[in-house]
Amino acid sequence: MTHRLVIVGYGTMGVTHRKKLAGIEGIEVGGAVDIDPVREQYAAEDGLHVYPSLTDALADESTDFVFICTPNDSHRPIAEAALRAGKHVMCEKPAMLSSAEIEAVVALAEKKGLVFAVHQNRRWDDDFLSIKELYDELDGPLGANADEAEKSVIEAARAVLAPSTTRTVARAFAFLGPLQATFSL
């Protein structure tokens, strides 16, 4: 199955994501929306269909996914409009301006049976994959056969991964399993 997505906000992050997504099997970047005519021109030059408005982009039945790359204060209304239009949503971080906003968007996504995710760009970097590998070993055979002293070291290692910031939360979910949702303030 191929997912066809539209990028909302074709500034630096929108262009960056288009380049990264271009080579991924199963994803087609089909269009872009921006309020800046210069950015619309860039999108057209990059071979994208330029929608005259967000409403037009969301009405396109061939699009099933929206990637929001606009300023933070516009994320919530765009995400809610996309979800109401039946589109999955990926959003740049920080996703919303408050925890109440993101809770409302996550609830809407769940109600609609759609995916709402916040883009976290370090999850697959080698350094984080190395930490995940170590963490998995601590939970696996290494951790299973640990004596009390080793268990205290394992608990200390887990504490290092304790969430304290948005990125750390996202990293912890990446280490611990599939990401359901992240909250970013």
N, C-alpha and C. Protein backbone atom coordinates (compact mmCIF):
# COMPACT_ATOMS: atom_id res chain seq x y z
N MET A 1 0.84 -1.18 0.00
CA MET A 1 0.00 0.00 0.00
C MET A 1 0.88 1.25 0.00
N THR A 2 0.53 2.20 -0.81
CA THR A 2 1.25 3.46 -0.86
C THR A 2 0.42 4.53 -0.16
N HIS A 3 1.07 5.26 0.74
CA HIS A 3 0.44 6.39 1.41
C HIS A 3 0.82 7.66 0.65
N ARG A 4 -0.18 8.43 0.32
CA ARG A 4 0.06 9.69 -0.39
C ARG A 4 -0.13 10.81 0.61
N LEU A 5 0.89 11.64 0.76
CA LEU A 5 0.80 12.69 1.76
C LEU A 5 0.96 14.07 1.16
N VAL A 6 0.46 15.02 1.92
CA VAL A 6 0.60 16.42 1.58
C VAL A 6 1.36 17.08 2.72
N ILE A 7 2.29 17.94 2.37
CA ILE A 7 3.06 18.69 3.36
C ILE A 7 2.39 20.05 3.53
N VAL A 8 2.05 20.36 4.77
CA VAL A 8 1.44 21.66 5.08
C VAL A 8 2.53 22.53 5.70
N GLY A 9 2.94 23.54 4.94
CA GLY A 9 4.05 24.39 5.36
C GLY A 9 5.30 23.97 4.62
N TYR A 10 5.61 24.65 3.52
CA TYR A 10 6.74 24.23 2.69
C TYR A 10 7.97 25.12 2.91
N GLY A 11 8.22 25.41 4.19
CA GLY A 11 9.45 26.12 4.56
C GLY A 11 10.59 25.12 4.71
N THR A 12 11.56 25.48 5.53
CA THR A 12 12.76 24.65 5.70
C THR A 12 12.42 23.22 6.09
N MET A 13 11.56 23.03 7.09
CA MET A 13 11.25 21.68 7.54
C MET A 13 10.42 20.93 6.50
N GLY A 14 9.50 21.60 5.85
CA GLY A 14 8.71 20.95 4.82
C GLY A 14 9.59 20.43 3.68
N VAL A 15 10.52 21.26 3.23
CA VAL A 15 11.44 20.87 2.16
C VAL A 15 12.32 19.72 2.63
N THR A 16 12.82 19.82 3.86
CA THR A 16 13.69 18.76 4.40
C THR A 16 12.95 17.43 4.44
N HIS A 17 11.72 17.45 4.92
CA HIS A 17 10.96 16.20 5.00
C HIS A 17 10.62 15.67 3.61
N ARG A 18 10.32 16.54 2.66
CA ARG A 18 10.05 16.06 1.31
C ARG A 18 11.26 15.30 0.77
N LYS A 19 12.45 15.84 0.97
CA LYS A 19 13.67 15.17 0.49
C LYS A 19 13.86 13.82 1.16
N LYS A 20 13.64 13.77 2.46
CA LYS A 20 13.82 12.51 3.21
C LYS A 20 12.76 11.47 2.83
N LEU A 21 11.54 11.92 2.60
CA LEU A 21 10.44 11.00 2.29
C LEU A 21 10.47 10.51 0.85
N ALA A 22 11.14 11.26 -0.01
CA ALA A 22 11.12 10.96 -1.45
C ALA A 22 11.59 9.54 -1.77
N GLY A 23 12.53 9.02 -1.02
CA GLY A 23 13.07 7.71 -1.34
C GLY A 23 12.50 6.57 -0.55
N ILE A 24 11.45 6.79 0.21
CA ILE A 24 10.90 5.74 1.05
C ILE A 24 9.79 5.01 0.30
N GLU A 25 9.96 3.70 0.19
CA GLU A 25 8.97 2.88 -0.49
C GLU A 25 7.65 2.94 0.27
N GLY A 26 6.56 3.09 -0.45
CA GLY A 26 5.25 3.11 0.16
C GLY A 26 4.78 4.51 0.53
N ILE A 27 5.60 5.52 0.25
CA ILE A 27 5.20 6.90 0.53
C ILE A 27 5.38 7.73 -0.74
N GLU A 28 4.35 8.46 -1.07
CA GLU A 28 4.39 9.40 -2.19
C GLU A 28 4.06 10.78 -1.65
N VAL A 29 5.00 11.70 -1.81
CA VAL A 29 4.71 13.08 -1.44
C VAL A 29 4.00 13.70 -2.63
N GLY A 30 2.70 13.89 -2.47
CA GLY A 30 1.88 14.29 -3.60
C GLY A 30 1.62 15.77 -3.73
N GLY A 31 1.78 16.51 -2.64
CA GLY A 31 1.46 17.92 -2.74
C GLY A 31 1.91 18.70 -1.55
N ALA A 32 1.68 20.01 -1.64
CA ALA A 32 2.05 20.92 -0.56
C ALA A 32 1.05 22.06 -0.50
N VAL A 33 0.95 22.62 0.70
CA VAL A 33 0.13 23.80 0.94
C VAL A 33 1.01 24.80 1.68
N ASP A 34 0.98 26.04 1.25
CA ASP A 34 1.68 27.10 1.98
C ASP A 34 0.98 28.42 1.69
N ILE A 35 1.06 29.35 2.63
CA ILE A 35 0.42 30.65 2.42
C ILE A 35 1.36 31.64 1.75
N ASP A 36 2.63 31.27 1.61
CA ASP A 36 3.63 32.14 1.00
C ASP A 36 3.77 31.76 -0.48
N PRO A 37 3.49 32.70 -1.39
CA PRO A 37 3.60 32.39 -2.83
C PRO A 37 5.00 31.94 -3.25
N VAL A 38 6.02 32.42 -2.57
CA VAL A 38 7.39 31.99 -2.90
C VAL A 38 7.56 30.51 -2.56
N ARG A 39 7.04 30.11 -1.41
CA ARG A 39 7.12 28.69 -1.01
C ARG A 39 6.26 27.81 -1.93
N GLU A 40 5.13 28.34 -2.36
CA GLU A 40 4.32 27.60 -3.32
C GLU A 40 5.10 27.36 -4.61
N GLN A 41 5.84 28.36 -5.03
CA GLN A 41 6.67 28.24 -6.24
C GLN A 41 7.75 27.17 -6.05
N TYR A 42 8.40 27.18 -4.87
CA TYR A 42 9.40 26.15 -4.59
C TYR A 42 8.79 24.76 -4.67
N ALA A 43 7.59 24.61 -4.10
CA ALA A 43 6.93 23.30 -4.13
C ALA A 43 6.64 22.87 -5.57
N ALA A 44 6.17 23.80 -6.37
CA ALA A 44 5.90 23.50 -7.78
C ALA A 44 7.18 23.12 -8.50
N GLU A 45 8.26 23.84 -8.24
CA GLU A 45 9.55 23.53 -8.87
C GLU A 45 10.06 22.17 -8.43
N ASP A 46 9.68 21.73 -7.23
CA ASP A 46 10.07 20.41 -6.74
C ASP A 46 9.14 19.31 -7.25
N GLY A 47 8.20 19.67 -8.12
CA GLY A 47 7.33 18.68 -8.74
C GLY A 47 6.09 18.33 -7.95
N LEU A 48 5.78 19.12 -6.95
CA LEU A 48 4.60 18.83 -6.14
C LEU A 48 3.38 19.57 -6.66
N HIS A 49 2.23 18.96 -6.46
CA HIS A 49 0.98 19.66 -6.73
C HIS A 49 0.81 20.69 -5.62
N VAL A 50 0.54 21.92 -5.98
CA VAL A 50 0.35 22.97 -4.99
C VAL A 50 -1.14 23.21 -4.84
N TYR A 51 -1.63 22.95 -3.64
CA TYR A 51 -3.04 23.17 -3.35
C TYR A 51 -3.25 24.64 -3.02
N PRO A 52 -4.34 25.22 -3.50
CA PRO A 52 -4.58 26.64 -3.21
C PRO A 52 -4.94 26.92 -1.75
N SER A 53 -5.37 25.86 -1.02
CA SER A 53 -5.73 26.05 0.38
C SER A 53 -5.66 24.72 1.11
N LEU A 54 -5.64 24.79 2.43
CA LEU A 54 -5.69 23.58 3.23
C LEU A 54 -6.99 22.83 2.97
N THR A 55 -8.08 23.55 2.84
CA THR A 55 -9.38 22.92 2.56
C THR A 55 -9.32 22.08 1.29
N ASP A 56 -8.69 22.63 0.25
CA ASP A 56 -8.56 21.88 -1.00
C ASP A 56 -7.69 20.64 -0.82
N ALA A 57 -6.61 20.77 -0.08
CA ALA A 57 -5.73 19.63 0.15
C ALA A 57 -6.46 18.53 0.91
N LEU A 58 -7.22 18.91 1.93
CA LEU A 58 -7.93 17.92 2.74
C LEU A 58 -9.10 17.29 1.99
N ALA A 59 -9.60 17.96 0.99
CA ALA A 59 -10.70 17.41 0.18
C ALA A 59 -10.20 16.40 -0.84
N ASP A 60 -8.91 16.34 -1.07
CA ASP A 60 -8.33 15.42 -2.05
C ASP A 60 -8.39 14.00 -1.50
N GLU A 61 -9.24 13.19 -2.07
CA GLU A 61 -9.44 11.82 -1.59
C GLU A 61 -8.23 10.92 -1.84
N SER A 62 -7.32 11.33 -2.72
CA SER A 62 -6.15 10.51 -2.98
C SER A 62 -5.07 10.69 -1.91
N THR A 63 -5.24 11.67 -1.05
CA THR A 63 -4.30 11.94 0.03
C THR A 63 -4.83 11.33 1.32
N ASP A 64 -3.99 10.56 2.01
CA ASP A 64 -4.44 9.96 3.26
C ASP A 64 -3.61 10.38 4.46
N PHE A 65 -2.63 11.25 4.23
CA PHE A 65 -1.67 11.56 5.28
C PHE A 65 -1.27 13.02 5.16
N VAL A 66 -1.19 13.72 6.28
CA VAL A 66 -0.80 15.13 6.29
C VAL A 66 0.41 15.28 7.20
N PHE A 67 1.42 15.97 6.72
CA PHE A 67 2.61 16.25 7.52
C PHE A 67 2.62 17.75 7.79
N ILE A 68 2.45 18.13 9.07
CA ILE A 68 2.35 19.54 9.44
C ILE A 68 3.73 20.09 9.78
N CYS A 69 4.15 21.07 8.99
CA CYS A 69 5.47 21.70 9.16
C CYS A 69 5.34 23.22 9.24
N THR A 70 4.32 23.67 9.92
CA THR A 70 4.03 25.09 10.04
C THR A 70 4.48 25.59 11.42
N PRO A 71 4.36 26.90 11.67
CA PRO A 71 4.67 27.41 13.01
C PRO A 71 3.80 26.74 14.08
N ASN A 72 4.35 26.61 15.27
CA ASN A 72 3.72 25.82 16.34
C ASN A 72 2.30 26.25 16.68
N ASP A 73 2.02 27.53 16.63
CA ASP A 73 0.69 27.98 17.05
C ASP A 73 -0.41 27.59 16.06
N SER A 74 -0.03 27.10 14.89
CA SER A 74 -1.02 26.67 13.91
C SER A 74 -1.23 25.15 13.88
N HIS A 75 -0.45 24.41 14.65
CA HIS A 75 -0.51 22.96 14.58
C HIS A 75 -1.89 22.40 14.95
N ARG A 76 -2.46 22.88 16.05
CA ARG A 76 -3.73 22.29 16.51
C ARG A 76 -4.84 22.44 15.48
N PRO A 77 -5.14 23.65 14.98
CA PRO A 77 -6.26 23.72 14.04
C PRO A 77 -6.02 22.92 12.76
N ILE A 78 -4.79 22.86 12.32
CA ILE A 78 -4.49 22.07 11.11
C ILE A 78 -4.67 20.58 11.40
N ALA A 79 -4.13 20.13 12.53
CA ALA A 79 -4.26 18.71 12.89
C ALA A 79 -5.72 18.31 13.03
N GLU A 80 -6.50 19.13 13.71
CA GLU A 80 -7.92 18.80 13.90
C GLU A 80 -8.67 18.79 12.57
N ALA A 81 -8.37 19.74 11.70
CA ALA A 81 -9.03 19.76 10.39
C ALA A 81 -8.66 18.51 9.59
N ALA A 82 -7.39 18.13 9.62
CA ALA A 82 -6.95 16.94 8.89
C ALA A 82 -7.61 15.68 9.44
N LEU A 83 -7.65 15.55 10.75
CA LEU A 83 -8.28 14.37 11.35
C LEU A 83 -9.77 14.31 11.03
N ARG A 84 -10.43 15.45 11.09
CA ARG A 84 -11.86 15.48 10.75
C ARG A 84 -12.10 15.12 9.28
N ALA A 85 -11.10 15.40 8.45
CA ALA A 85 -11.20 15.05 7.03
C ALA A 85 -10.78 13.60 6.76
N GLY A 86 -10.44 12.87 7.83
CA GLY A 86 -10.09 11.46 7.68
C GLY A 86 -8.65 11.20 7.30
N LYS A 87 -7.76 12.13 7.59
CA LYS A 87 -6.35 11.98 7.25
C LYS A 87 -5.53 11.64 8.49
N HIS A 88 -4.53 10.78 8.33
CA HIS A 88 -3.54 10.56 9.37
C HIS A 88 -2.67 11.81 9.45
N VAL A 89 -2.08 12.06 10.63
CA VAL A 89 -1.31 13.28 10.82
C VAL A 89 0.04 13.00 11.46
N MET A 90 1.08 13.57 10.86
CA MET A 90 2.40 13.66 11.47
C MET A 90 2.64 15.14 11.69
N CYS A 91 3.14 15.50 12.86
CA CYS A 91 3.29 16.90 13.20
C CYS A 91 4.71 17.17 13.68
N GLU A 92 5.25 18.28 13.23
CA GLU A 92 6.55 18.72 13.74
C GLU A 92 6.42 19.04 15.22
N LYS A 93 7.54 19.05 15.91
CA LYS A 93 7.54 19.37 17.32
C LYS A 93 7.95 20.82 17.53
N PRO A 94 7.57 21.41 18.62
CA PRO A 94 6.58 20.92 19.56
C PRO A 94 5.20 20.90 18.92
N ALA A 95 4.47 19.86 19.21
CA ALA A 95 3.21 19.63 18.50
C ALA A 95 2.15 20.66 18.84
N MET A 96 2.04 21.01 20.09
CA MET A 96 0.98 21.91 20.54
C MET A 96 1.55 22.89 21.55
N LEU A 97 0.72 23.84 21.93
CA LEU A 97 1.15 24.86 22.87
C LEU A 97 0.85 24.50 24.32
N SER A 98 0.07 23.45 24.55
CA SER A 98 -0.24 23.01 25.91
C SER A 98 -0.59 21.53 25.91
N SER A 99 -0.53 20.95 27.09
CA SER A 99 -0.91 19.54 27.20
C SER A 99 -2.40 19.36 26.92
N ALA A 100 -3.22 20.34 27.27
CA ALA A 100 -4.65 20.25 26.99
C ALA A 100 -4.90 20.19 25.48
N GLU A 101 -4.17 20.97 24.72
CA GLU A 101 -4.33 20.94 23.26
C GLU A 101 -3.98 19.58 22.69
N ILE A 102 -2.86 19.04 23.12
CA ILE A 102 -2.46 17.75 22.54
C ILE A 102 -3.38 16.64 22.99
N GLU A 103 -3.86 16.70 24.22
CA GLU A 103 -4.82 15.70 24.68
C GLU A 103 -6.08 15.73 23.81
N ALA A 104 -6.54 16.92 23.45
CA ALA A 104 -7.72 17.04 22.60
C ALA A 104 -7.47 16.45 21.21
N VAL A 105 -6.30 16.71 20.65
CA VAL A 105 -5.98 16.19 19.32
C VAL A 105 -5.82 14.68 19.36
N VAL A 106 -5.15 14.16 20.37
CA VAL A 106 -4.99 12.71 20.50
C VAL A 106 -6.36 12.04 20.67
N ALA A 107 -7.24 12.64 21.46
CA ALA A 107 -8.59 12.09 21.65
C ALA A 107 -9.36 12.07 20.33
N LEU A 108 -9.22 13.12 19.54
CA LEU A 108 -9.90 13.17 18.24
C LEU A 108 -9.34 12.09 17.31
N ALA A 109 -8.03 11.93 17.29
CA ALA A 109 -7.42 10.88 16.46
C ALA A 109 -7.93 9.51 16.86
N GLU A 110 -7.97 9.26 18.16
CA GLU A 110 -8.47 7.96 18.64
C GLU A 110 -9.93 7.76 18.26
N LYS A 111 -10.74 8.80 18.41
CA LYS A 111 -12.16 8.72 18.06
C LYS A 111 -12.35 8.40 16.58
N LYS A 112 -11.49 8.97 15.74
CA LYS A 112 -11.59 8.77 14.29
C LYS A 112 -10.87 7.49 13.84
N GLY A 113 -10.11 6.85 14.72
CA GLY A 113 -9.36 5.66 14.35
C GLY A 113 -8.19 5.98 13.45
N LEU A 114 -7.59 7.16 13.66
CA LEU A 114 -6.48 7.62 12.82
C LEU A 114 -5.22 7.77 13.65
N VAL A 115 -4.10 7.87 12.97
CA VAL A 115 -2.81 8.05 13.63
C VAL A 115 -2.51 9.54 13.74
N PHE A 116 -2.13 9.96 14.93
CA PHE A 116 -1.54 11.27 15.14
C PHE A 116 -0.19 11.01 15.79
N ALA A 117 0.88 11.48 15.17
CA ALA A 117 2.23 11.26 15.70
C ALA A 117 3.02 12.55 15.61
N VAL A 118 3.94 12.68 16.55
CA VAL A 118 4.84 13.83 16.56
C VAL A 118 6.19 13.37 16.03
N HIS A 119 6.71 14.11 15.08
CA HIS A 119 7.99 13.74 14.50
C HIS A 119 9.11 13.91 15.52
N GLN A 120 9.87 12.86 15.71
CA GLN A 120 11.07 12.90 16.56
C GLN A 120 12.22 12.40 15.71
N ASN A 121 13.20 13.23 15.51
CA ASN A 121 14.19 12.95 14.48
C ASN A 121 15.43 12.19 14.92
N ARG A 122 15.55 11.78 16.15
CA ARG A 122 16.78 11.13 16.58
C ARG A 122 16.61 9.63 16.85
N ARG A 123 15.41 9.14 16.72
CA ARG A 123 15.09 7.78 17.13
C ARG A 123 15.97 6.72 16.48
N TRP A 124 16.40 6.93 15.27
CA TRP A 124 17.15 5.89 14.55
C TRP A 124 18.62 6.23 14.39
N ASP A 125 19.11 7.22 15.12
CA ASP A 125 20.53 7.55 15.09
C ASP A 125 21.32 6.44 15.77
N ASP A 126 22.55 6.23 15.29
CA ASP A 126 23.37 5.13 15.81
C ASP A 126 23.57 5.19 17.32
N ASP A 127 23.79 6.39 17.87
CA ASP A 127 24.03 6.46 19.31
C ASP A 127 22.81 6.01 20.10
N PHE A 128 21.62 6.37 19.66
CA PHE A 128 20.43 5.94 20.37
C PHE A 128 20.14 4.47 20.16
N LEU A 129 20.43 3.96 18.98
CA LEU A 129 20.26 2.53 18.75
C LEU A 129 21.22 1.73 19.62
N SER A 130 22.43 2.24 19.84
CA SER A 130 23.39 1.57 20.72
C SER A 130 22.87 1.54 22.16
N ILE A 131 22.30 2.65 22.61
CA ILE A 131 21.73 2.68 23.96
C ILE A 131 20.57 1.70 24.06
N LYS A 132 19.73 1.65 23.03
CA LYS A 132 18.60 0.71 23.05
C LYS A 132 19.11 -0.73 23.12
N GLU A 133 20.15 -1.02 22.38
CA GLU A 133 20.72 -2.37 22.40
C GLU A 133 21.19 -2.72 23.82
N LEU A 134 21.88 -1.80 24.46
CA LEU A 134 22.33 -2.01 25.83
C LEU A 134 21.12 -2.20 26.75
N TYR A 135 20.13 -1.37 26.61
CA TYR A 135 18.93 -1.47 27.44
C TYR A 135 18.26 -2.83 27.24
N ASP A 136 18.15 -3.27 25.99
CA ASP A 136 17.55 -4.58 25.72
C ASP A 136 18.34 -5.70 26.39
N GLU A 137 19.67 -5.59 26.39
CA GLU A 137 20.50 -6.60 27.05
C GLU A 137 20.24 -6.61 28.56
N LEU A 138 20.02 -5.43 29.13
CA LEU A 138 19.74 -5.36 30.56
C LEU A 138 18.41 -5.99 30.89
N ASP A 139 17.47 -5.93 29.98
CA ASP A 139 16.16 -6.55 30.19
C ASP A 139 16.14 -8.01 29.76
N GLY A 140 17.12 -8.40 28.99
CA GLY A 140 17.17 -9.76 28.46
C GLY A 140 18.01 -10.67 29.33
N PRO A 141 18.81 -11.54 28.71
CA PRO A 141 19.59 -12.53 29.45
C PRO A 141 20.51 -11.91 30.50
N LEU A 142 21.11 -10.78 30.17
CA LEU A 142 22.01 -10.13 31.11
C LEU A 142 21.25 -9.73 32.38
N GLY A 143 20.09 -9.12 32.21
CA GLY A 143 19.30 -8.68 33.35
C GLY A 143 18.62 -9.83 34.08
N ALA A 144 18.23 -10.87 33.35
CA ALA A 144 17.50 -11.99 33.95
C ALA A 144 18.36 -12.76 34.94
N ASN A 145 19.65 -12.81 34.71
CA ASN A 145 20.55 -13.58 35.57
C ASN A 145 21.32 -12.69 36.54
N ALA A 146 20.87 -11.48 36.73
CA ALA A 146 21.60 -10.53 37.56
C ALA A 146 21.44 -10.84 39.04
N ASP A 147 22.55 -10.65 39.79
CA ASP A 147 22.44 -10.72 41.25
C ASP A 147 21.98 -9.36 41.77
N GLU A 148 21.85 -9.20 43.07
CA GLU A 148 21.30 -7.97 43.63
C GLU A 148 22.14 -6.74 43.25
N ALA A 149 23.46 -6.87 43.27
CA ALA A 149 24.31 -5.73 42.93
C ALA A 149 24.12 -5.35 41.46
N GLU A 150 24.06 -6.35 40.60
CA GLU A 150 23.85 -6.08 39.18
C GLU A 150 22.47 -5.47 38.94
N LYS A 151 21.47 -5.95 39.70
CA LYS A 151 20.13 -5.39 39.54
C LYS A 151 20.09 -3.91 39.91
N SER A 152 20.88 -3.51 40.90
CA SER A 152 20.91 -2.09 41.26
C SER A 152 21.55 -1.27 40.14
N VAL A 153 22.54 -1.85 39.45
CA VAL A 153 23.15 -1.18 38.31
C VAL A 153 22.14 -1.07 37.17
N ILE A 154 21.38 -2.14 36.96
CA ILE A 154 20.36 -2.14 35.92
C ILE A 154 19.33 -1.05 36.22
N GLU A 155 18.89 -0.97 37.48
CA GLU A 155 17.92 0.06 37.84
C GLU A 155 18.51 1.46 37.65
N ALA A 156 19.79 1.62 37.95
CA ALA A 156 20.44 2.92 37.73
C ALA A 156 20.47 3.25 36.24
N ALA A 157 20.75 2.24 35.42
CA ALA A 157 20.76 2.46 33.96
C ALA A 157 19.38 2.86 33.48
N ARG A 158 18.34 2.21 34.03
CA ARG A 158 16.98 2.58 33.66
C ARG A 158 16.67 4.02 34.09
N ALA A 159 17.18 4.41 35.24
CA ALA A 159 16.93 5.77 35.73
C ALA A 159 17.54 6.82 34.81
N VAL A 160 18.66 6.46 34.18
CA VAL A 160 19.28 7.38 33.23
C VAL A 160 18.33 7.66 32.08
N LEU A 161 17.52 6.66 31.74
CA LEU A 161 16.57 6.82 30.66
C LEU A 161 15.25 7.44 31.13
N ALA A 162 15.15 7.77 32.41
CA ALA A 162 13.91 8.34 32.93
C ALA A 162 13.57 9.63 32.21
N PRO A 163 12.31 9.77 31.80
CA PRO A 163 11.92 10.96 31.05
C PRO A 163 12.00 12.23 31.87
N SER A 164 12.60 13.25 31.27
CA SER A 164 12.62 14.56 31.92
C SER A 164 12.36 15.68 30.92
N THR A 165 12.46 15.36 29.64
CA THR A 165 12.15 16.34 28.61
C THR A 165 11.37 15.65 27.51
N THR A 166 10.83 16.43 26.62
CA THR A 166 10.06 15.87 25.51
C THR A 166 10.90 14.88 24.71
N ARG A 167 12.13 15.27 24.38
CA ARG A 167 12.97 14.37 23.59
C ARG A 167 13.28 13.10 24.36
N THR A 168 13.54 13.23 25.65
CA THR A 168 13.84 12.06 26.43
C THR A 168 12.64 11.12 26.49
N VAL A 169 11.45 11.68 26.59
CA VAL A 169 10.24 10.85 26.57
C VAL A 169 10.16 10.09 25.26
N ALA A 170 10.36 10.79 24.16
CA ALA A 170 10.30 10.13 22.86
C ALA A 170 11.37 9.05 22.74
N ARG A 171 12.57 9.33 23.24
CA ARG A 171 13.64 8.33 23.21
C ARG A 171 13.27 7.12 24.05
N ALA A 172 12.70 7.38 25.22
CA ALA A 172 12.31 6.27 26.09
C ALA A 172 11.29 5.37 25.39
N PHE A 173 10.29 5.99 24.75
CA PHE A 173 9.31 5.18 24.01
C PHE A 173 10.00 4.41 22.88
N ALA A 174 10.95 5.05 22.22
CA ALA A 174 11.66 4.37 21.13
C ALA A 174 12.43 3.17 21.67
N PHE A 175 13.01 3.32 22.85
CA PHE A 175 13.76 2.23 23.45
C PHE A 175 12.84 1.12 23.93
N LEU A 176 11.68 1.51 24.44
CA LEU A 176 10.81 0.57 25.13
C LEU A 176 9.75 -0.08 24.25
N GLY A 177 9.56 0.43 23.05
CA GLY A 177 8.56 -0.20 22.20
C GLY A 177 7.86 0.82 21.34
N PRO A 178 6.82 0.37 20.65
CA PRO A 178 6.11 1.23 19.70
C PRO A 178 5.58 2.50 20.36
N LEU A 179 5.71 3.57 19.65
CA LEU A 179 5.26 4.86 20.11
C LEU A 179 3.78 5.02 19.82
N GLN A 180 2.99 5.26 20.84
CA GLN A 180 1.56 5.47 20.68
C GLN A 180 1.27 6.95 20.42
N ALA A 181 1.85 7.81 21.26
CA ALA A 181 1.67 9.25 21.14
C ALA A 181 2.72 9.92 22.00
N THR A 182 3.13 11.10 21.60
CA THR A 182 4.00 11.89 22.45
C THR A 182 3.36 13.24 22.67
N PHE A 183 3.67 13.82 23.79
CA PHE A 183 3.15 15.12 24.14
C PHE A 183 4.33 16.08 24.19
N SER A 184 4.18 17.19 23.53
CA SER A 184 5.27 18.14 23.45
C SER A 184 4.75 19.52 23.82
N LEU A 185 5.41 20.16 24.74
CA LEU A 185 4.99 21.48 25.17
C LEU A 185 5.98 22.52 24.73
